[in-house]
Protein backbone atom coordinates (compact mmCIF):
# COMPACT_ATOMS: atom_id res chain seq x y z
CA MET A 1 155.95 87.13 115.58
CA LYS A 2 156.84 87.71 111.93
CA SER A 3 153.52 86.43 110.57
CA LYS A 4 151.51 88.68 112.90
CA ILE A 5 153.21 91.80 111.58
CA ILE A 6 152.76 90.72 107.97
CA ARG A 7 148.98 90.27 108.53
CA SER A 8 148.74 93.69 110.15
CA PHE A 9 149.43 95.48 106.85
CA PRO A 10 146.15 94.36 105.15
CA VAL A 11 144.25 95.23 108.31
CA LEU A 12 145.67 98.73 108.29
CA LEU A 13 144.85 99.08 104.59
CA ILE A 14 141.23 98.04 105.23
CA LEU A 15 140.97 100.43 108.15
CA SER A 16 142.36 103.26 106.06
CA GLY A 17 139.83 102.42 103.35
CA PHE A 18 136.97 102.60 105.86
CA LEU A 19 138.28 105.91 107.12
CA VAL A 20 138.27 107.33 103.59
CA ILE A 21 134.68 106.15 103.11
CA SER A 22 133.61 107.54 106.45
CA CYS A 23 134.91 110.97 105.48
CA SER A 24 133.05 110.97 102.16
CA SER A 25 129.57 112.35 101.59
CA GLY A 26 126.39 110.47 100.73
CA SER A 27 124.19 107.87 102.31
CA ILE A 28 125.62 104.76 103.85
CA ILE A 29 123.33 102.82 101.49
CA ASP A 30 126.00 103.55 98.86
CA TYR A 31 128.42 101.34 100.82
CA PRO A 32 126.83 97.87 101.19
CA GLU A 33 129.44 96.44 103.54
CA LEU A 34 128.83 99.27 105.98
CA TYR A 35 125.03 99.36 106.00
CA LYS A 36 124.67 95.58 106.27
CA GLN A 37 125.86 95.75 109.85
CA GLN A 38 123.21 98.35 110.71
CA VAL A 39 120.51 96.20 109.10
CA TRP A 40 121.77 93.13 110.93
CA ASP A 41 121.56 95.07 114.19
CA TRP A 42 117.89 95.83 113.52
CA GLU A 43 117.19 92.23 112.59
CA ASP A 44 118.92 91.07 115.79
CA ARG A 45 116.75 93.45 117.78
CA LEU A 46 113.64 91.85 116.27
CA ILE A 47 114.90 88.40 117.19
CA GLU A 48 115.23 89.56 120.78
CA ASP A 49 111.94 91.46 120.69
CA PRO A 50 109.56 90.90 117.72
CA ASN A 51 107.62 94.00 118.82
CA ASP A 52 110.58 96.38 118.70
CA PHE A 53 108.78 99.32 117.05
CA GLU A 54 111.86 101.27 116.00
CA ALA A 55 113.47 98.23 114.37
CA LEU A 56 110.24 97.41 112.51
CA LYS A 57 109.93 100.98 111.31
CA GLN A 58 113.54 101.30 110.19
CA LEU A 59 113.46 97.98 108.36
CA GLY A 60 110.18 98.94 106.68
CA MET A 61 111.85 102.09 105.39
CA TYR A 62 115.02 100.25 104.43
CA TYR A 63 113.34 97.46 102.46
CA SER A 64 111.16 100.04 100.69
CA GLN A 65 114.24 101.97 99.64
CA ILE A 66 115.96 98.89 98.24
CA LYS A 67 112.70 97.93 96.48
CA GLU A 68 111.88 94.75 98.43
CA TYR A 69 108.25 95.76 98.78
CA GLU A 70 106.73 92.55 100.17
CA THR A 71 109.30 92.39 102.96
CA ALA A 72 108.77 96.10 103.55
CA ARG A 73 105.00 95.57 103.78
CA LEU A 74 105.35 93.00 106.57
CA HIS A 75 107.43 95.35 108.71
CA ILE A 76 105.36 98.47 107.94
CA ASP A 77 102.03 96.78 108.70
CA LYS A 78 103.22 95.43 112.03
CA ALA A 79 104.66 98.80 113.04
CA LEU A 80 101.47 100.59 111.94
CA ASN A 81 99.40 98.35 114.18
CA MET A 82 101.49 99.62 117.07
CA GLN A 83 101.52 103.32 116.12
CA PRO A 84 98.94 104.07 113.38
CA ASP A 85 99.55 107.83 113.49
CA ASP A 86 103.30 107.71 112.79
CA PRO A 87 103.92 110.10 109.82
CA VAL A 88 106.78 108.07 108.34
CA LEU A 89 104.75 104.87 108.37
CA ILE A 90 101.71 106.62 106.85
CA LEU A 91 103.88 107.80 103.96
CA TYR A 92 105.61 104.46 103.42
CA LYS A 93 102.34 102.53 103.67
CA GLY A 94 100.86 104.71 100.94
CA ILE A 95 103.88 104.17 98.71
CA ASN A 96 103.79 100.43 99.40
CA LEU A 97 100.12 100.30 98.36
CA GLU A 98 101.00 102.11 95.13
CA PHE A 99 103.48 99.37 94.28
CA PHE A 100 100.73 96.81 94.77
CA ASN A 101 98.47 98.88 92.44
CA LYS A 102 96.03 99.75 95.21
CA GLN A 103 95.69 103.41 94.30
CA ASP A 104 92.42 104.06 96.14
CA GLU A 105 93.79 102.63 99.39
CA ALA A 106 97.01 104.61 98.97
CA LEU A 107 94.98 107.79 98.56
CA GLU A 108 93.15 107.07 101.81
CA TYR A 109 96.48 106.80 103.65
CA TYR A 110 97.84 109.99 102.08
CA LYS A 111 94.64 111.77 103.08
CA LYS A 112 95.77 111.36 106.70
CA TYR A 113 98.28 114.18 106.21
CA THR A 114 95.74 116.44 107.92
CA GLU A 115 96.32 114.46 111.14
CA VAL A 116 100.11 114.87 110.99
CA PRO A 117 101.58 117.67 113.17
CA GLU A 118 102.41 120.76 111.13
CA ASP A 119 105.99 120.79 112.38
CA SER A 120 106.66 117.29 111.04
CA PRO A 121 108.95 117.31 107.97
CA PHE A 122 106.84 114.49 106.54
CA ARG A 123 103.54 116.39 106.57
CA GLU A 124 104.31 118.28 103.36
CA VAL A 125 105.66 115.14 101.70
CA ILE A 126 102.47 113.21 102.49
CA GLU A 127 100.25 116.14 101.47
CA GLY A 128 102.15 116.51 98.21
CA ARG A 129 101.79 112.82 97.49
CA PHE A 130 98.06 113.03 98.29
CA LEU A 131 97.61 115.87 95.80
CA TRP A 132 99.65 114.02 93.19
CA ALA A 133 97.79 110.74 93.71
CA LYS A 134 94.48 112.58 93.53
CA ARG A 135 95.55 114.16 90.26
CA GLN A 136 96.57 110.79 88.83
CA GLN A 137 93.31 109.25 90.00
CA GLY A 138 91.41 111.95 88.12
CA TYR A 139 93.20 111.05 84.90
CA SER A 140 92.73 107.33 85.50
CA ASP A 141 89.01 107.75 86.13
CA VAL A 142 88.54 109.76 82.95
CA LYS A 143 90.50 107.23 80.88
CA LEU A 144 88.39 104.42 82.29
CA MET A 145 85.17 106.30 81.51
CA ILE A 146 86.30 106.88 77.94
CA GLN A 147 87.11 103.18 77.54
CA GLN A 148 83.66 102.29 78.86
CA GLU A 149 81.91 105.12 77.05
CA ASP A 150 79.56 102.82 75.13
CA GLN A 151 78.23 101.49 78.42
CA LEU A 152 77.65 104.91 79.98
CA SER A 153 74.14 106.29 80.21
CA THR A 154 72.89 109.83 80.67
CA ALA A 155 70.65 108.39 83.38
CA GLU A 156 73.74 108.21 85.62
CA VAL A 157 74.34 111.93 85.19
CA SER A 158 73.61 114.14 88.19
CA PRO A 159 71.57 117.24 87.25
CA ASN A 160 73.12 119.24 90.11
CA THR A 161 76.70 118.49 89.08
CA MET A 162 78.43 121.16 87.00
CA ALA A 163 81.68 121.04 85.08
CA VAL A 164 83.19 124.49 84.47
CA PHE A 165 85.49 124.47 81.44
CA PRO A 166 88.14 127.08 80.63
CA LEU A 167 86.80 129.98 78.64
CA ILE A 168 87.91 130.61 75.06
CA TYR A 169 89.95 133.74 74.38
CA GLN A 170 88.83 135.41 71.17
CA GLY A 171 91.57 138.04 71.07
CA ILE A 172 95.12 138.07 69.71
CA ASN A 173 97.18 139.34 72.66
CA PRO A 174 98.95 136.29 74.17
CA ASP A 175 99.29 138.06 77.52
CA TYR A 176 95.57 137.57 78.14
CA VAL A 177 95.39 133.87 77.23
CA PRO A 178 95.96 132.65 80.83
CA LEU A 179 92.84 134.53 81.97
CA SER A 180 90.93 131.62 80.43
CA ARG A 181 91.98 129.48 83.40
CA GLY A 182 91.78 132.19 86.01
CA PHE A 183 88.26 133.30 85.12
CA SER A 184 86.85 129.77 85.04
CA GLU A 185 88.54 129.05 88.38
CA MET A 186 86.82 132.06 89.96
CA VAL A 187 83.47 130.91 88.53
CA SER A 188 84.03 127.42 89.97
CA ILE A 189 84.92 128.83 93.40
CA ASP A 190 81.79 130.99 93.39
CA LEU A 191 79.46 128.18 92.31
CA ALA A 192 80.96 125.83 94.90
CA LYS A 193 79.64 128.14 97.63
CA ILE A 194 76.05 127.22 96.76
CA LYS A 195 74.45 124.47 98.78
CA GLY A 196 73.12 121.65 96.63
CA LEU A 197 75.55 122.15 93.74
CA THR A 198 78.54 119.89 93.08
CA ILE A 199 81.34 121.51 91.10
CA LEU A 200 83.82 119.10 89.54
CA GLU A 201 87.50 119.56 90.25
CA ARG A 202 89.63 121.31 87.67
CA ILE A 203 91.90 118.29 87.31
CA ARG A 204 89.04 116.18 85.94
CA ILE A 205 88.17 118.92 83.48
CA GLN A 206 91.80 119.05 82.36
CA ALA A 207 91.91 115.27 82.02
CA VAL A 208 88.92 115.39 79.65
CA LEU A 209 90.52 118.19 77.65
CA ASP A 210 93.71 116.16 77.29
CA GLU A 211 92.07 112.81 76.57
CA LEU A 212 89.46 114.09 74.11
CA LYS A 213 91.90 116.49 72.45
CA PHE A 214 89.66 119.49 73.06
CA ALA A 215 92.52 121.80 73.92
CA GLN A 216 92.75 123.34 70.46
CA THR A 217 89.00 123.47 69.78
CA GLY A 218 86.02 125.17 71.30
CA TYR A 219 86.14 122.86 74.31
CA VAL A 220 82.42 122.15 74.46
CA ASP A 221 79.30 123.09 72.51
CA GLU A 222 75.87 121.61 71.93
CA SER A 223 77.35 118.73 69.92
CA THR A 224 80.08 117.73 72.39
CA ALA A 225 78.25 118.49 75.65
CA PRO A 226 76.37 115.14 75.89
CA ARG A 227 79.52 113.08 75.49
CA THR A 228 81.48 115.24 77.90
CA GLY A 229 78.66 115.09 80.42
CA ARG A 230 78.45 111.30 80.30
CA ILE A 231 82.18 110.93 80.87
CA LEU A 232 82.20 113.40 83.76
CA ARG A 233 78.71 112.44 84.98
CA ALA A 234 77.85 116.12 85.01
CA GLY A 235 74.36 117.42 84.36
CA LYS A 236 75.55 120.80 83.11
CA ILE A 237 78.61 121.92 81.20
CA VAL A 238 79.61 125.54 81.79
CA SER A 239 81.80 127.39 79.34
CA GLY A 240 82.03 130.59 77.34
CA ASP A 241 84.42 133.08 75.78
CA TYR A 242 85.93 136.49 76.35
CA ASP A 243 87.80 139.23 74.54
CA ILE A 244 89.96 142.18 75.51
CA THR A 245 90.42 144.87 72.88
CA ASP A 246 93.43 147.10 72.34
CA ASP A 247 91.59 150.05 73.83
CA GLY A 248 90.99 148.17 77.10
CA LYS A 249 87.44 146.96 76.58
CA PHE A 250 86.47 143.65 78.17
CA LYS A 251 83.63 141.43 76.98
CA ILE A 252 82.60 138.07 78.38
CA ASN A 253 79.97 135.45 77.54
CA LEU A 254 79.09 132.56 79.85
CA GLY A 255 76.64 129.76 79.16
CA SER A 256 75.62 126.25 80.14
CA TRP A 257 74.44 123.15 78.30
CA ASP A 258 72.17 120.43 79.58
CA THR A 259 74.10 117.24 78.88
CA GLN A 260 70.95 115.12 78.61
CA THR A 261 69.02 117.27 76.14
CA THR A 262 71.95 119.18 74.51
CA GLU A 263 69.84 122.29 75.14
CA ARG A 264 71.69 125.50 75.92
CA LYS A 265 70.22 126.35 79.30
CA SER A 266 71.59 129.84 79.63
CA TRP A 267 73.72 132.44 77.94
CA VAL A 268 74.71 135.71 79.60
CA ASN A 269 77.12 138.42 78.53
CA LYS A 270 78.67 141.45 80.11
CA SER A 271 81.02 144.12 78.85
CA GLY A 272 82.88 147.10 80.22
CA SER A 273 86.37 148.45 80.69
CA LEU A 274 89.24 146.20 81.74
CA ASP A 275 89.42 148.17 84.98
CA GLU A 276 86.02 146.67 85.84
CA PHE A 277 87.22 143.10 85.21
CA PHE A 278 86.57 141.79 88.73
CA ILE A 279 83.20 143.51 89.09
CA LEU A 280 82.12 142.10 85.72
CA GLN A 281 83.15 138.61 86.80
CA LYS A 282 80.76 138.79 89.75
CA GLU A 283 77.97 140.26 87.62
CA VAL A 284 78.33 137.40 85.13
CA VAL A 285 78.07 134.80 87.90
CA PHE A 286 74.96 136.35 89.43
CA ALA A 287 73.32 136.69 86.00
CA PHE A 288 74.23 133.07 85.20
CA LEU A 289 72.63 131.83 88.42
CA GLU A 290 69.49 133.83 87.76
CA LYS A 291 69.19 132.45 84.22
CA ASN A 292 69.51 128.91 85.58
CA GLY A 293 66.85 129.51 88.21
CA ILE A 294 69.17 129.00 91.16
CA ASP A 295 68.05 130.85 94.28
CA LEU A 296 70.63 132.08 96.76
CA THR A 297 70.50 132.62 100.47
CA GLN A 298 71.69 135.97 101.75
CA GLN A 299 74.80 134.33 103.15
CA GLU A 300 75.61 132.67 99.80
CA ARG A 301 75.07 135.94 97.96
CA GLU A 302 77.40 137.84 100.27
CA SER A 303 80.04 135.13 100.04
CA ILE A 304 79.98 135.08 96.23
CA ALA A 305 80.14 138.89 96.09
CA GLN A 306 83.54 138.93 97.82
CA ILE A 307 86.33 139.86 95.39
CA PRO A 308 89.59 138.03 96.26
CA THR A 309 91.82 140.54 94.45
CA GLN A 310 91.44 143.71 92.42
CA ASN A 311 94.97 143.66 91.05
CA LEU A 312 94.97 142.51 87.43
CA GLU A 313 98.73 141.87 87.37
CA SER A 314 98.42 139.61 90.39
CA PHE A 315 95.46 137.81 88.85
CA LEU A 316 97.35 137.30 85.58
CA ALA A 317 100.24 135.68 87.48
CA PHE A 318 97.73 133.48 89.32
CA SER A 319 96.15 132.49 85.98
CA LYS A 320 99.56 131.62 84.54
CA GLY A 321 100.13 129.42 87.57
CA LEU A 322 96.89 127.53 86.87
CA LEU A 323 97.92 127.04 83.26
CA LEU A 324 101.33 125.67 84.28
CA GLU A 325 99.84 123.48 87.00
CA ASP A 326 97.40 121.95 84.50
CA ALA A 327 100.42 121.14 82.34
CA GLY A 328 102.10 119.37 85.28
CA LYS A 329 104.80 122.05 85.67
CA PHE A 330 104.47 122.46 89.42
CA ASP A 331 107.75 124.25 90.10
CA GLU A 332 107.00 126.89 87.47
CA ALA A 333 103.41 127.17 88.69
CA SER A 334 104.66 127.73 92.22
CA ILE A 335 106.77 130.67 91.04
CA GLN A 336 103.74 132.33 89.45
CA TYR A 337 101.56 131.76 92.52
CA GLN A 338 104.26 133.24 94.70
CA ARG A 339 104.52 136.25 92.39
CA ALA A 340 100.74 136.72 92.53
CA SER A 341 100.70 136.70 96.32
CA GLN A 342 103.69 139.05 96.48
CA ILE A 343 102.00 141.57 94.20
CA ASP A 344 98.83 141.37 96.27
CA PRO A 345 99.48 139.94 99.76
CA GLN A 346 95.70 139.95 100.37
CA PHE A 347 95.11 137.50 97.51
CA GLN A 348 94.71 134.49 99.79
CA ILE A 349 93.68 132.06 97.03
CA ALA A 350 97.04 132.66 95.31
CA ALA A 351 98.90 132.14 98.59
CA ASN A 352 97.08 128.85 99.14
CA LYS A 353 97.93 127.69 95.62
CA PHE A 354 101.57 128.63 96.22
CA ASN A 355 101.63 126.34 99.24
CA THR A 356 99.91 123.39 97.55
CA SER A 357 101.95 123.58 94.35
CA GLY A 358 105.11 123.74 96.43
CA VAL A 359 104.31 120.59 98.38
CA MET A 360 103.15 118.80 95.22
CA SER A 361 106.46 119.51 93.49
CA LYS A 362 108.24 117.71 96.36
CA SER A 363 106.24 114.51 95.92
CA SER A 364 105.24 114.39 92.27
CA GLY A 365 106.36 111.73 89.83
CA SER A 366 106.12 107.98 89.65
CA LYS A 367 106.21 105.74 92.70
CA GLU A 368 109.76 104.83 91.75
CA ASP A 369 110.67 108.53 91.69
CA ILE A 370 109.32 109.19 95.18
CA VAL A 371 111.25 106.20 96.58
CA ASP A 372 114.45 107.60 95.07
CA VAL A 373 113.70 111.01 96.59
CA LEU A 374 113.20 109.44 100.00
CA LYS A 375 116.37 107.40 99.64
CA THR A 376 118.31 110.59 98.92
CA ASN A 377 116.71 112.92 101.46
CA TYR A 378 115.47 110.53 104.15
CA ALA A 379 117.72 107.48 103.86
CA ALA A 380 116.79 104.63 106.19
CA VAL A 381 120.46 104.07 106.97
CA LYS A 382 121.80 107.56 107.52
CA ASN A 383 125.14 109.27 107.69
CA GLU A 384 124.95 108.96 111.45
CA ALA A 385 125.59 105.25 110.97
CA ILE A 386 128.77 106.11 109.10
CA ASN A 387 129.82 108.30 112.01
CA ILE A 388 129.28 105.41 114.41
CA ILE A 389 131.52 103.19 112.29
CA GLU A 390 134.05 105.99 111.98
CA ASN A 391 134.17 106.31 115.77
CA ARG A 392 134.62 102.58 116.17
CA ILE A 393 137.39 102.51 113.58
CA GLN A 394 139.09 105.46 115.22
CA GLY A 395 138.97 103.58 118.52
CA MET A 396 140.56 100.54 116.90
CA VAL A 397 143.30 102.68 115.40
CA ASN A 398 143.94 104.33 118.75
CA ASN A 399 144.27 100.92 120.38
CA ILE A 400 146.67 99.70 117.70
CA PHE A 401 148.98 102.66 118.12
CA SER A 402 148.57 103.14 121.86
CA SER A 403 151.86 101.32 122.53
CA PHE A 404 153.72 103.84 120.35
CA ILE A 405 152.95 106.90 122.47
CA GLN A 406 156.01 109.13 122.62
CA GLY A 407 157.93 108.88 125.92
CA ILE A 408 156.79 105.35 126.73
CA ASP A 409 159.07 102.61 125.44
CA PHE A 410 158.79 99.10 126.83
CA ARG A 411 161.13 97.44 124.36
CA SER A 412 164.76 96.53 125.02
CA LEU A 413 167.50 97.20 122.49
CA THR A 414 167.48 93.55 121.52
CA GLU A 415 163.70 93.69 120.91
CA ASP A 416 164.16 96.77 118.74
CA GLU A 417 166.74 95.03 116.63
CA SER A 418 164.46 91.99 116.27
CA PHE A 419 161.58 94.26 115.29
CA LEU A 420 163.67 95.95 112.58
CA ASN A 421 164.92 92.60 111.32
CA LEU A 422 161.32 91.59 110.65
CA PHE A 423 160.93 94.42 108.15
CA ILE A 424 164.21 93.49 106.56
CA ASP A 425 162.97 89.91 106.14
CA VAL A 426 159.63 90.98 104.75
CA LEU A 427 160.98 93.71 102.46
CA PRO A 428 164.34 92.57 101.04
CA PHE A 429 166.78 95.03 99.50
CA PRO A 430 166.28 95.56 95.74
CA PRO A 431 168.66 93.77 93.36
CA LEU A 432 171.85 95.45 92.23
CA PRO A 433 171.74 97.29 88.89
CA PRO A 434 172.98 95.40 85.82
CA THR A 435 176.74 95.44 85.23
CA GLY A 436 176.36 96.44 81.61
CA GLN A 437 177.30 93.03 80.17
């Protein structure tokens, strides 16, 4: 009898420790002794049924979050074979492929975000990772092209592929610098509406600017166009400059270079008041197309003529967003895009950029970063598991103390005395104080 009571003290201490943990915040992954039981339960379920989808899925998530990627792959692949459209598995498969340096395959999985229901919390995460992976692929491709530059030939360049570079601001007012990005983006959007033309993505242009250190120079001219064209495999490089004077006059020049002959194919210029900014942008595009001998259908002409916004303040915020996005500052870019769409709610392009920059900010960073984000926000072993353990512990405590419910006493006086004597034996009285000798 005495030994049983002595052993009960450590048990109660352990139980009290578990109760403290169960009341704390955070993922159960922070408490190994607790989450092991949940993992063992999943493993036991697989022993009973190797095709237990939920166990496979949860273990795939769990092993990804503790960085055991090969084990994670086995569980994810088997679960994907059973439910290939599961959003969680699509995301984790993409991440798993990244850890095995299969970037192209990962991108193909992330591209499936369009098939994920819009109300799924994982749709934005997958879309953001797709945009991020696509951005990284653009930089990787450009770096590879630069490394293999000696082997590149202008014969591989497509004459119908255009690369639109940011325009050069010739003025001194820093407020107008971001228009460099905004104007070139509008030109790219307009040119992309023409059948038969391929307009390179802005991220590839930015990668070339960063890798070739063009950011502080004139971007491209007749001397740099051939090299830039080979790297981007673009037949034409489009660029130009603009100026805005103190008295509100706006002037813009836009030209193109043939990357095979270094010949300047076209050069157009327009000028007017700043109030006519958006009209002048369209006039420049139409004049540019005419100079390059590009015929338009009536539908293409009408589509290009549409002006997305006529609010310069909104367009400036949008342009700042592009500048920040190109610098990889997605949160700050998102703020500017949101501001642009708030100033002009009809500026749909800005609203779209606000959405994409927002989802990209949720999933940007290294593959290790995204795993940590998932571990924090979508832990495989969740707080619900802690609650289960808490409930079980509470049940154990209730059972232990059920015999001490007030009003029910099954012990005789002799038993009570024996019970008290046990505590006296276990915890002896302290020694008497020293006598002073």
